[in-house]
């Protein structure tokens, strides 16, 4: 007999209060949150820093991004309110679509900016930045010395580092 671990879940409407966000998230397939997601949500909403460590496929991305987007919306934090840092441009592209869909549920714009971003898009981002910016450590190094971005980063309230082990255990973690 195979033993499967049961992960407790909680209805999303017990955690998120905005009816519009709840309905939108449900339409994307998010009707329940795992215990990890609820704990992260409550801690982030309480202003605590968190590290989310869990197996692949357990909703770590959602655990980090749901409360961040909810706070950005509720407090109307100006751009750039959150940085989502991934170690690879390919991961940026993979996560972008998912975060954009989730962002629509909170009225939050999400944009990717990395080394392959065309110059026309870079100018547009610089002129009208998103509230959530997805980037790589290498691109972040360029952004933090740019005066325009330095001004935007004065609004920064959240930094989400995806696959942090990859970043800190490579030469990129030294930079």
N, C-alpha and C. Protein backbone atom coordinates (compact mmCIF):
# COMPACT_ATOMS: atom_id res chain seq x y z
N UNK A 1 0.84 -1.18 0.00
CA UNK A 1 0.00 0.00 0.00
C UNK A 1 0.89 1.25 0.00
N UNK A 2 0.61 2.14 -0.90
CA UNK A 2 1.38 3.38 -1.01
C UNK A 2 0.83 4.41 -0.04
N UNK A 3 1.74 5.06 0.67
CA UNK A 3 1.34 6.08 1.62
C UNK A 3 1.60 7.45 1.02
N UNK A 4 0.57 8.23 0.85
CA UNK A 4 0.71 9.59 0.31
C UNK A 4 0.52 10.59 1.44
N UNK A 5 1.42 11.55 1.47
CA UNK A 5 1.34 12.59 2.49
C UNK A 5 0.21 13.56 2.14
N UNK A 6 -0.58 13.89 3.11
CA UNK A 6 -1.69 14.82 2.91
C UNK A 6 -1.23 16.20 3.38
N UNK A 7 -1.30 17.16 2.48
CA UNK A 7 -0.93 18.53 2.82
C UNK A 7 -2.21 19.31 3.10
N UNK A 8 -2.37 19.80 4.32
CA UNK A 8 -3.58 20.56 4.66
C UNK A 8 -3.70 21.81 3.79
N UNK A 9 -4.91 22.16 3.44
CA UNK A 9 -5.16 23.37 2.65
C UNK A 9 -6.25 24.21 3.30
N UNK A 10 -6.22 25.48 2.99
CA UNK A 10 -7.18 26.43 3.52
C UNK A 10 -7.78 27.21 2.36
N UNK A 11 -9.06 27.45 2.41
CA UNK A 11 -9.73 28.21 1.36
C UNK A 11 -9.10 29.59 1.22
N UNK A 12 -8.89 30.02 0.00
CA UNK A 12 -8.21 31.29 -0.27
C UNK A 12 -8.98 32.48 0.31
N UNK A 13 -10.30 32.37 0.39
CA UNK A 13 -11.09 33.49 0.92
C UNK A 13 -10.98 33.64 2.44
N UNK A 14 -10.31 32.71 3.10
CA UNK A 14 -10.03 32.86 4.54
C UNK A 14 -8.77 33.69 4.77
N UNK A 15 -8.01 33.92 3.70
CA UNK A 15 -6.73 34.62 3.82
C UNK A 15 -6.76 35.96 3.09
N UNK A 16 -7.16 35.94 1.84
CA UNK A 16 -7.20 37.16 1.03
C UNK A 16 -8.59 37.77 1.17
N UNK A 17 -8.65 39.06 1.36
CA UNK A 17 -9.93 39.72 1.67
C UNK A 17 -10.64 40.34 0.46
N UNK A 18 -9.92 40.69 -0.57
CA UNK A 18 -10.52 41.34 -1.73
C UNK A 18 -11.32 40.34 -2.56
N UNK A 19 -12.62 40.58 -2.68
CA UNK A 19 -13.49 39.68 -3.45
C UNK A 19 -13.03 39.58 -4.89
N UNK A 20 -12.64 40.72 -5.50
CA UNK A 20 -12.17 40.71 -6.89
C UNK A 20 -10.93 39.84 -7.04
N UNK A 21 -9.98 39.99 -6.12
CA UNK A 21 -8.75 39.18 -6.17
C UNK A 21 -9.08 37.71 -5.98
N UNK A 22 -9.95 37.40 -5.04
CA UNK A 22 -10.32 36.01 -4.78
C UNK A 22 -10.92 35.38 -6.03
N UNK A 23 -11.87 36.05 -6.64
CA UNK A 23 -12.53 35.50 -7.84
C UNK A 23 -11.53 35.32 -8.98
N UNK A 24 -10.67 36.30 -9.16
CA UNK A 24 -9.66 36.22 -10.22
C UNK A 24 -8.70 35.06 -9.96
N UNK A 25 -8.20 34.94 -8.73
CA UNK A 25 -7.28 33.86 -8.40
C UNK A 25 -7.95 32.50 -8.55
N UNK A 26 -9.22 32.41 -8.18
CA UNK A 26 -9.94 31.15 -8.36
C UNK A 26 -10.04 30.80 -9.84
N UNK A 27 -10.23 31.81 -10.69
CA UNK A 27 -10.31 31.55 -12.13
C UNK A 27 -8.98 31.04 -12.69
N UNK A 28 -7.89 31.34 -11.98
CA UNK A 28 -6.56 30.85 -12.38
C UNK A 28 -6.25 29.49 -11.74
N UNK A 29 -7.18 28.98 -10.92
CA UNK A 29 -6.99 27.68 -10.31
C UNK A 29 -6.50 27.72 -8.87
N UNK A 30 -6.45 28.92 -8.29
CA UNK A 30 -6.00 29.06 -6.90
C UNK A 30 -7.19 29.22 -5.97
N UNK A 31 -7.82 28.13 -5.60
CA UNK A 31 -8.97 28.22 -4.70
C UNK A 31 -8.58 27.90 -3.25
N UNK A 32 -7.46 27.21 -3.10
CA UNK A 32 -7.00 26.83 -1.76
C UNK A 32 -5.51 27.15 -1.63
N UNK A 33 -5.10 27.44 -0.41
CA UNK A 33 -3.69 27.71 -0.11
C UNK A 33 -3.16 26.62 0.82
N UNK A 34 -1.91 26.25 0.62
CA UNK A 34 -1.28 25.28 1.51
C UNK A 34 -0.91 25.97 2.83
N UNK A 35 -0.59 25.17 3.81
CA UNK A 35 -0.16 25.71 5.11
C UNK A 35 1.08 26.60 4.92
N UNK A 36 2.00 26.16 4.08
CA UNK A 36 3.21 26.96 3.81
C UNK A 36 2.82 28.34 3.26
N UNK A 37 1.88 28.35 2.33
CA UNK A 37 1.44 29.61 1.74
C UNK A 37 0.75 30.51 2.77
N UNK A 38 -0.07 29.93 3.61
CA UNK A 38 -0.78 30.72 4.63
C UNK A 38 0.21 31.29 5.65
N UNK A 39 1.16 30.46 6.10
CA UNK A 39 2.16 30.94 7.06
C UNK A 39 3.00 32.06 6.46
N UNK A 40 3.43 31.89 5.22
CA UNK A 40 4.21 32.94 4.55
C UNK A 40 3.38 34.21 4.41
N UNK A 41 2.13 34.05 3.99
CA UNK A 41 1.23 35.19 3.82
C UNK A 41 1.11 35.99 5.13
N UNK A 42 0.82 35.28 6.21
CA UNK A 42 0.63 35.95 7.50
C UNK A 42 1.91 36.63 7.98
N UNK A 43 3.04 35.98 7.81
CA UNK A 43 4.31 36.57 8.25
C UNK A 43 4.70 37.78 7.41
N UNK A 44 4.53 37.68 6.10
CA UNK A 44 4.87 38.81 5.23
C UNK A 44 3.92 39.98 5.50
N UNK A 45 2.64 39.69 5.65
CA UNK A 45 1.67 40.75 5.97
C UNK A 45 1.99 41.42 7.31
N UNK A 46 2.61 40.67 8.22
CA UNK A 46 2.99 41.22 9.53
C UNK A 46 4.31 41.99 9.47
N UNK A 47 4.90 42.05 8.28
CA UNK A 47 6.13 42.83 8.11
C UNK A 47 7.40 42.05 8.39
N UNK A 48 7.29 40.75 8.51
CA UNK A 48 8.47 39.93 8.80
C UNK A 48 9.15 39.49 7.50
N UNK A 49 10.46 39.32 7.57
CA UNK A 49 11.21 38.71 6.47
C UNK A 49 11.05 37.20 6.58
N UNK A 50 10.93 36.55 5.45
CA UNK A 50 10.76 35.10 5.47
C UNK A 50 11.68 34.43 4.45
N UNK A 51 12.03 33.20 4.77
CA UNK A 51 12.71 32.31 3.82
C UNK A 51 11.78 31.12 3.66
N UNK A 52 11.40 30.85 2.44
CA UNK A 52 10.47 29.76 2.16
C UNK A 52 11.27 28.61 1.54
N UNK A 53 11.35 27.52 2.26
CA UNK A 53 12.05 26.34 1.76
C UNK A 53 11.04 25.20 1.75
N UNK A 54 10.80 24.68 0.56
CA UNK A 54 9.84 23.59 0.41
C UNK A 54 10.14 22.86 -0.89
N UNK A 55 9.64 21.63 -1.02
CA UNK A 55 9.89 20.88 -2.25
C UNK A 55 9.30 21.57 -3.49
N UNK A 56 9.84 21.21 -4.63
CA UNK A 56 9.33 21.71 -5.91
C UNK A 56 7.85 21.37 -6.04
N UNK A 57 7.09 22.34 -6.57
CA UNK A 57 5.67 22.11 -6.81
C UNK A 57 4.77 22.33 -5.61
N UNK A 58 5.29 22.93 -4.55
CA UNK A 58 4.46 23.15 -3.36
C UNK A 58 3.92 24.58 -3.27
N UNK A 59 4.22 25.40 -4.27
CA UNK A 59 3.65 26.74 -4.29
C UNK A 59 4.48 27.81 -3.61
N UNK A 60 5.80 27.66 -3.64
CA UNK A 60 6.67 28.66 -3.01
C UNK A 60 6.51 30.03 -3.68
N UNK A 61 6.41 30.03 -5.00
CA UNK A 61 6.27 31.30 -5.72
C UNK A 61 5.02 32.03 -5.25
N UNK A 62 3.91 31.33 -5.20
CA UNK A 62 2.66 31.93 -4.75
C UNK A 62 2.73 32.34 -3.28
N UNK A 63 3.43 31.54 -2.47
CA UNK A 63 3.59 31.87 -1.05
C UNK A 63 4.28 33.22 -0.90
N UNK A 64 5.21 33.51 -1.78
CA UNK A 64 5.94 34.78 -1.71
C UNK A 64 5.17 35.92 -2.37
N UNK A 65 4.57 35.65 -3.52
CA UNK A 65 4.04 36.76 -4.33
C UNK A 65 2.62 37.19 -3.93
N UNK A 66 1.77 36.29 -3.46
CA UNK A 66 0.41 36.68 -3.07
C UNK A 66 0.42 37.80 -2.02
N UNK A 67 1.11 37.63 -0.90
CA UNK A 67 1.07 38.71 0.10
C UNK A 67 1.77 39.98 -0.37
N UNK A 68 2.83 39.83 -1.14
CA UNK A 68 3.54 41.01 -1.65
C UNK A 68 2.62 41.84 -2.53
N UNK A 69 1.95 41.19 -3.46
CA UNK A 69 1.04 41.92 -4.36
C UNK A 69 -0.14 42.50 -3.59
N UNK A 70 -0.64 41.76 -2.62
CA UNK A 70 -1.76 42.25 -1.81
C UNK A 70 -1.36 43.52 -1.04
N UNK A 71 -0.19 43.51 -0.46
CA UNK A 71 0.29 44.69 0.28
C UNK A 71 0.54 45.86 -0.66
N UNK A 72 1.17 45.60 -1.80
CA UNK A 72 1.44 46.68 -2.77
C UNK A 72 0.14 47.34 -3.18
N UNK A 73 -0.88 46.52 -3.45
CA UNK A 73 -2.18 47.07 -3.85
C UNK A 73 -2.83 47.83 -2.70
N UNK A 74 -2.90 47.22 -1.53
CA UNK A 74 -3.59 47.84 -0.40
C UNK A 74 -2.93 49.13 0.08
N UNK A 75 -1.60 49.18 0.02
CA UNK A 75 -0.88 50.38 0.45
C UNK A 75 -0.54 51.31 -0.72
N UNK A 76 -0.94 50.90 -1.91
CA UNK A 76 -0.70 51.68 -3.13
C UNK A 76 0.77 52.13 -3.24
N UNK A 77 1.66 51.17 -3.08
CA UNK A 77 3.10 51.45 -3.14
C UNK A 77 3.49 51.72 -4.59
N UNK A 78 4.21 52.80 -4.78
CA UNK A 78 4.62 53.21 -6.13
C UNK A 78 5.72 52.30 -6.66
N UNK A 79 5.92 52.34 -7.99
CA UNK A 79 7.00 51.54 -8.60
C UNK A 79 8.38 52.04 -8.18
N UNK A 80 9.25 51.22 -8.09
CA UNK A 80 9.32 49.77 -8.13
C UNK A 80 9.17 49.30 -6.68
N UNK A 81 8.09 48.58 -6.41
CA UNK A 81 7.77 48.16 -5.04
C UNK A 81 8.40 46.81 -4.69
N UNK A 82 8.61 45.97 -5.71
CA UNK A 82 9.15 44.64 -5.45
C UNK A 82 10.10 44.21 -6.56
N UNK A 83 11.18 43.58 -6.16
CA UNK A 83 12.12 42.95 -7.10
C UNK A 83 11.97 41.45 -6.96
N UNK A 84 11.87 40.77 -8.09
CA UNK A 84 11.83 39.31 -8.11
C UNK A 84 13.08 38.89 -8.86
N UNK A 85 14.05 38.35 -8.13
CA UNK A 85 15.36 38.04 -8.71
C UNK A 85 15.49 36.54 -8.92
N UNK A 86 15.83 36.16 -10.15
CA UNK A 86 16.08 34.75 -10.48
C UNK A 86 17.48 34.63 -11.04
N UNK A 87 18.09 33.46 -10.92
CA UNK A 87 19.47 33.32 -11.37
C UNK A 87 19.65 33.28 -12.88
N UNK A 88 18.59 32.98 -13.62
CA UNK A 88 18.73 32.79 -15.06
C UNK A 88 17.66 33.55 -15.84
N UNK A 89 18.05 34.06 -17.00
CA UNK A 89 17.08 34.74 -17.87
C UNK A 89 15.96 33.79 -18.27
N UNK A 90 16.29 32.53 -18.51
CA UNK A 90 15.26 31.56 -18.89
C UNK A 90 14.22 31.42 -17.79
N UNK A 91 14.66 31.44 -16.54
CA UNK A 91 13.72 31.37 -15.42
C UNK A 91 12.89 32.65 -15.34
N UNK A 92 13.50 33.79 -15.66
CA UNK A 92 12.75 35.06 -15.74
C UNK A 92 11.57 34.91 -16.69
N UNK A 93 11.86 34.38 -17.87
CA UNK A 93 10.81 34.24 -18.88
C UNK A 93 9.74 33.25 -18.43
N UNK A 94 10.17 32.17 -17.76
CA UNK A 94 9.20 31.16 -17.29
C UNK A 94 8.27 31.74 -16.24
N UNK A 95 8.82 32.52 -15.34
CA UNK A 95 8.04 33.05 -14.22
C UNK A 95 7.19 34.25 -14.64
N UNK A 96 7.62 34.96 -15.68
CA UNK A 96 6.94 36.19 -16.09
C UNK A 96 5.46 35.99 -16.36
N UNK A 97 5.12 35.01 -17.17
CA UNK A 97 3.72 34.81 -17.54
C UNK A 97 2.87 34.51 -16.31
N UNK A 98 3.39 33.66 -15.44
CA UNK A 98 2.65 33.30 -14.23
C UNK A 98 2.43 34.51 -13.33
N UNK A 99 3.48 35.30 -13.11
CA UNK A 99 3.35 36.47 -12.25
C UNK A 99 2.46 37.54 -12.88
N UNK A 100 2.49 37.67 -14.19
CA UNK A 100 1.60 38.64 -14.85
C UNK A 100 0.14 38.25 -14.63
N UNK A 101 -0.17 36.96 -14.76
CA UNK A 101 -1.54 36.51 -14.54
C UNK A 101 -1.98 36.78 -13.10
N UNK A 102 -1.12 36.43 -12.16
CA UNK A 102 -1.42 36.69 -10.75
C UNK A 102 -1.54 38.20 -10.52
N UNK A 103 -0.65 38.96 -11.13
CA UNK A 103 -0.67 40.42 -11.00
C UNK A 103 -1.98 41.04 -11.43
N UNK A 104 -2.61 40.50 -12.47
CA UNK A 104 -3.90 41.05 -12.91
C UNK A 104 -4.95 40.93 -11.82
N UNK A 105 -4.84 39.90 -11.00
CA UNK A 105 -5.80 39.70 -9.91
C UNK A 105 -5.66 40.76 -8.82
N UNK A 106 -4.50 41.38 -8.73
CA UNK A 106 -4.26 42.41 -7.72
C UNK A 106 -4.12 43.80 -8.33
N UNK A 107 -4.24 43.89 -9.67
CA UNK A 107 -4.06 45.17 -10.34
C UNK A 107 -2.60 45.63 -10.32
N UNK A 108 -1.68 44.68 -10.34
CA UNK A 108 -0.25 44.96 -10.25
C UNK A 108 0.43 44.59 -11.57
N UNK A 109 1.21 45.53 -12.11
CA UNK A 109 1.94 45.25 -13.34
C UNK A 109 3.27 44.58 -13.02
N UNK A 110 3.65 43.65 -13.90
CA UNK A 110 4.87 42.86 -13.75
C UNK A 110 5.63 42.91 -15.06
N UNK A 111 6.94 43.21 -14.98
CA UNK A 111 7.76 43.31 -16.19
C UNK A 111 9.11 42.63 -15.93
N UNK A 112 9.66 42.03 -16.99
CA UNK A 112 10.99 41.43 -16.93
C UNK A 112 11.99 42.40 -17.55
N UNK A 113 13.14 42.53 -16.88
CA UNK A 113 14.26 43.34 -17.41
C UNK A 113 15.54 42.57 -17.16
N UNK A 114 16.19 42.14 -18.25
CA UNK A 114 17.47 41.43 -18.14
C UNK A 114 18.34 41.79 -19.33
N UNK A 115 19.46 41.11 -19.47
CA UNK A 115 20.43 41.44 -20.50
C UNK A 115 19.91 41.31 -21.93
N UNK A 116 18.92 40.46 -22.16
CA UNK A 116 18.37 40.28 -23.50
C UNK A 116 17.20 41.22 -23.80
N UNK A 117 16.83 42.04 -22.87
CA UNK A 117 15.71 42.96 -23.08
C UNK A 117 16.11 43.98 -24.16
N UNK A 118 15.30 44.11 -25.22
CA UNK A 118 15.62 45.07 -26.28
C UNK A 118 15.68 46.51 -25.73
N UNK A 119 16.50 47.34 -26.38
CA UNK A 119 16.69 48.73 -25.93
C UNK A 119 15.38 49.49 -25.90
N UNK A 120 14.50 49.26 -26.86
CA UNK A 120 13.22 49.98 -26.88
C UNK A 120 12.39 49.63 -25.64
N UNK A 121 12.43 48.38 -25.25
CA UNK A 121 11.70 47.93 -24.05
C UNK A 121 12.35 48.49 -22.78
N UNK A 122 13.69 48.54 -22.78
CA UNK A 122 14.41 49.09 -21.62
C UNK A 122 14.02 50.55 -21.39
N UNK A 123 13.95 51.31 -22.49
CA UNK A 123 13.56 52.72 -22.38
C UNK A 123 12.14 52.85 -21.83
N UNK A 124 11.26 52.00 -22.31
CA UNK A 124 9.87 52.03 -21.86
C UNK A 124 9.77 51.70 -20.36
N UNK A 125 10.52 50.68 -19.92
CA UNK A 125 10.51 50.29 -18.50
C UNK A 125 11.07 51.43 -17.66
N UNK A 126 12.13 52.07 -18.14
CA UNK A 126 12.76 53.15 -17.38
C UNK A 126 11.83 54.36 -17.27
N UNK A 127 11.09 54.61 -18.32
CA UNK A 127 10.16 55.74 -18.32
C UNK A 127 8.92 55.45 -17.48
N UNK A 128 8.45 54.21 -17.54
CA UNK A 128 7.23 53.83 -16.82
C UNK A 128 7.46 52.46 -16.16
N UNK A 129 8.10 52.46 -14.98
CA UNK A 129 8.46 51.18 -14.36
C UNK A 129 7.25 50.44 -13.79
N UNK A 130 7.38 49.13 -13.67
CA UNK A 130 6.31 48.33 -13.08
C UNK A 130 6.40 48.36 -11.56
N UNK A 131 5.38 47.86 -10.93
CA UNK A 131 5.45 47.75 -9.47
C UNK A 131 6.21 46.49 -9.06
N UNK A 132 6.22 45.48 -9.94
CA UNK A 132 7.05 44.28 -9.70
C UNK A 132 7.98 44.11 -10.90
N UNK A 133 9.27 44.12 -10.62
CA UNK A 133 10.28 43.96 -11.66
C UNK A 133 10.99 42.63 -11.46
N UNK A 134 10.99 41.81 -12.50
CA UNK A 134 11.70 40.53 -12.50
C UNK A 134 13.05 40.78 -13.17
N UNK A 135 14.13 40.31 -12.54
CA UNK A 135 15.46 40.54 -13.11
C UNK A 135 16.43 39.46 -12.66
N UNK A 136 17.67 39.58 -13.13
CA UNK A 136 18.75 38.69 -12.74
C UNK A 136 19.75 39.47 -11.90
N UNK A 137 20.63 38.78 -11.17
CA UNK A 137 21.63 39.49 -10.37
C UNK A 137 22.53 40.39 -11.23
N UNK A 138 22.90 39.92 -12.42
CA UNK A 138 23.76 40.72 -13.29
C UNK A 138 23.09 42.02 -13.73
N UNK A 139 21.85 41.94 -14.12
CA UNK A 139 21.13 43.15 -14.53
C UNK A 139 20.92 44.07 -13.35
N UNK A 140 20.64 43.51 -12.20
CA UNK A 140 20.44 44.32 -11.00
C UNK A 140 21.67 45.18 -10.71
N UNK A 141 22.85 44.64 -10.96
CA UNK A 141 24.09 45.40 -10.75
C UNK A 141 24.11 46.68 -11.58
N UNK A 142 23.58 46.62 -12.77
CA UNK A 142 23.52 47.81 -13.63
C UNK A 142 22.42 48.76 -13.18
N UNK A 143 21.30 48.20 -12.76
CA UNK A 143 20.17 49.04 -12.38
C UNK A 143 20.45 49.86 -11.12
N UNK A 144 21.16 49.26 -10.16
CA UNK A 144 21.35 49.97 -8.88
C UNK A 144 22.33 51.13 -8.96
N UNK A 145 23.06 51.25 -10.06
CA UNK A 145 23.96 52.40 -10.22
C UNK A 145 23.38 53.45 -11.16
N UNK A 146 22.21 53.18 -11.69
CA UNK A 146 21.53 54.12 -12.59
C UNK A 146 20.67 55.06 -11.73
N UNK A 147 20.86 56.35 -11.86
CA UNK A 147 20.17 57.32 -11.00
C UNK A 147 18.64 57.21 -11.09
N UNK A 148 18.11 56.98 -12.27
CA UNK A 148 16.66 56.85 -12.42
C UNK A 148 16.15 55.66 -11.62
N UNK A 149 16.82 54.54 -11.75
CA UNK A 149 16.40 53.35 -10.99
C UNK A 149 16.64 53.54 -9.50
N UNK A 150 17.70 54.23 -9.15
CA UNK A 150 17.94 54.50 -7.72
C UNK A 150 16.76 55.26 -7.12
N UNK A 151 16.21 56.19 -7.90
CA UNK A 151 15.04 56.92 -7.43
C UNK A 151 13.83 55.99 -7.29
N UNK A 152 13.64 55.09 -8.26
CA UNK A 152 12.53 54.12 -8.18
C UNK A 152 12.71 53.18 -7.00
N UNK A 153 13.96 52.79 -6.74
CA UNK A 153 14.22 51.83 -5.65
C UNK A 153 13.98 52.44 -4.27
N UNK A 154 13.76 53.73 -4.20
CA UNK A 154 13.39 54.34 -2.92
C UNK A 154 12.02 53.82 -2.46
N UNK A 155 11.23 53.34 -3.41
CA UNK A 155 9.91 52.77 -3.10
C UNK A 155 9.97 51.28 -2.78
N UNK A 156 11.12 50.67 -2.99
CA UNK A 156 11.27 49.22 -2.87
C UNK A 156 10.95 48.75 -1.45
N UNK A 157 10.04 47.79 -1.36
CA UNK A 157 9.64 47.24 -0.06
C UNK A 157 9.90 45.74 0.02
N UNK A 158 10.01 45.07 -1.13
CA UNK A 158 10.13 43.62 -1.14
C UNK A 158 11.20 43.16 -2.13
N UNK A 159 11.99 42.18 -1.70
CA UNK A 159 12.96 41.52 -2.58
C UNK A 159 12.72 40.02 -2.44
N UNK A 160 12.37 39.40 -3.54
CA UNK A 160 12.12 37.96 -3.58
C UNK A 160 13.26 37.35 -4.39
N UNK A 161 13.96 36.42 -3.79
CA UNK A 161 15.06 35.75 -4.47
C UNK A 161 14.66 34.30 -4.72
N UNK A 162 14.47 33.98 -5.98
CA UNK A 162 14.07 32.63 -6.37
C UNK A 162 15.34 31.82 -6.62
N UNK A 163 15.32 30.57 -6.21
CA UNK A 163 16.49 29.71 -6.38
C UNK A 163 17.73 30.35 -5.77
N UNK A 164 17.60 30.83 -4.54
CA UNK A 164 18.69 31.55 -3.90
C UNK A 164 19.94 30.69 -3.75
N UNK A 165 19.77 29.39 -3.58
CA UNK A 165 20.95 28.52 -3.45
C UNK A 165 21.82 28.59 -4.70
N UNK A 166 21.18 28.66 -5.84
CA UNK A 166 21.92 28.77 -7.11
C UNK A 166 22.72 30.07 -7.15
N UNK A 167 22.15 31.11 -6.63
CA UNK A 167 22.83 32.42 -6.65
C UNK A 167 23.98 32.45 -5.65
N UNK A 168 23.74 32.02 -4.42
CA UNK A 168 24.77 32.16 -3.39
C UNK A 168 25.88 31.12 -3.49
N UNK A 169 25.63 30.00 -4.17
CA UNK A 169 26.68 28.99 -4.27
C UNK A 169 27.50 29.10 -5.55
N UNK A 170 27.18 30.08 -6.38
CA UNK A 170 27.94 30.28 -7.61
C UNK A 170 28.78 31.55 -7.49
N UNK A 171 29.60 31.79 -8.50
CA UNK A 171 30.42 33.00 -8.49
C UNK A 171 29.54 34.25 -8.48
N UNK A 172 28.29 34.12 -8.93
CA UNK A 172 27.37 35.26 -8.98
C UNK A 172 27.00 35.72 -7.58
N UNK A 173 27.04 34.79 -6.61
CA UNK A 173 26.73 35.15 -5.24
C UNK A 173 27.80 35.98 -4.57
N UNK A 174 28.98 36.00 -5.17
CA UNK A 174 30.10 36.76 -4.62
C UNK A 174 29.99 38.23 -5.02
N UNK A 175 29.43 38.49 -6.16
CA UNK A 175 29.36 39.86 -6.70
C UNK A 175 28.53 40.78 -5.87
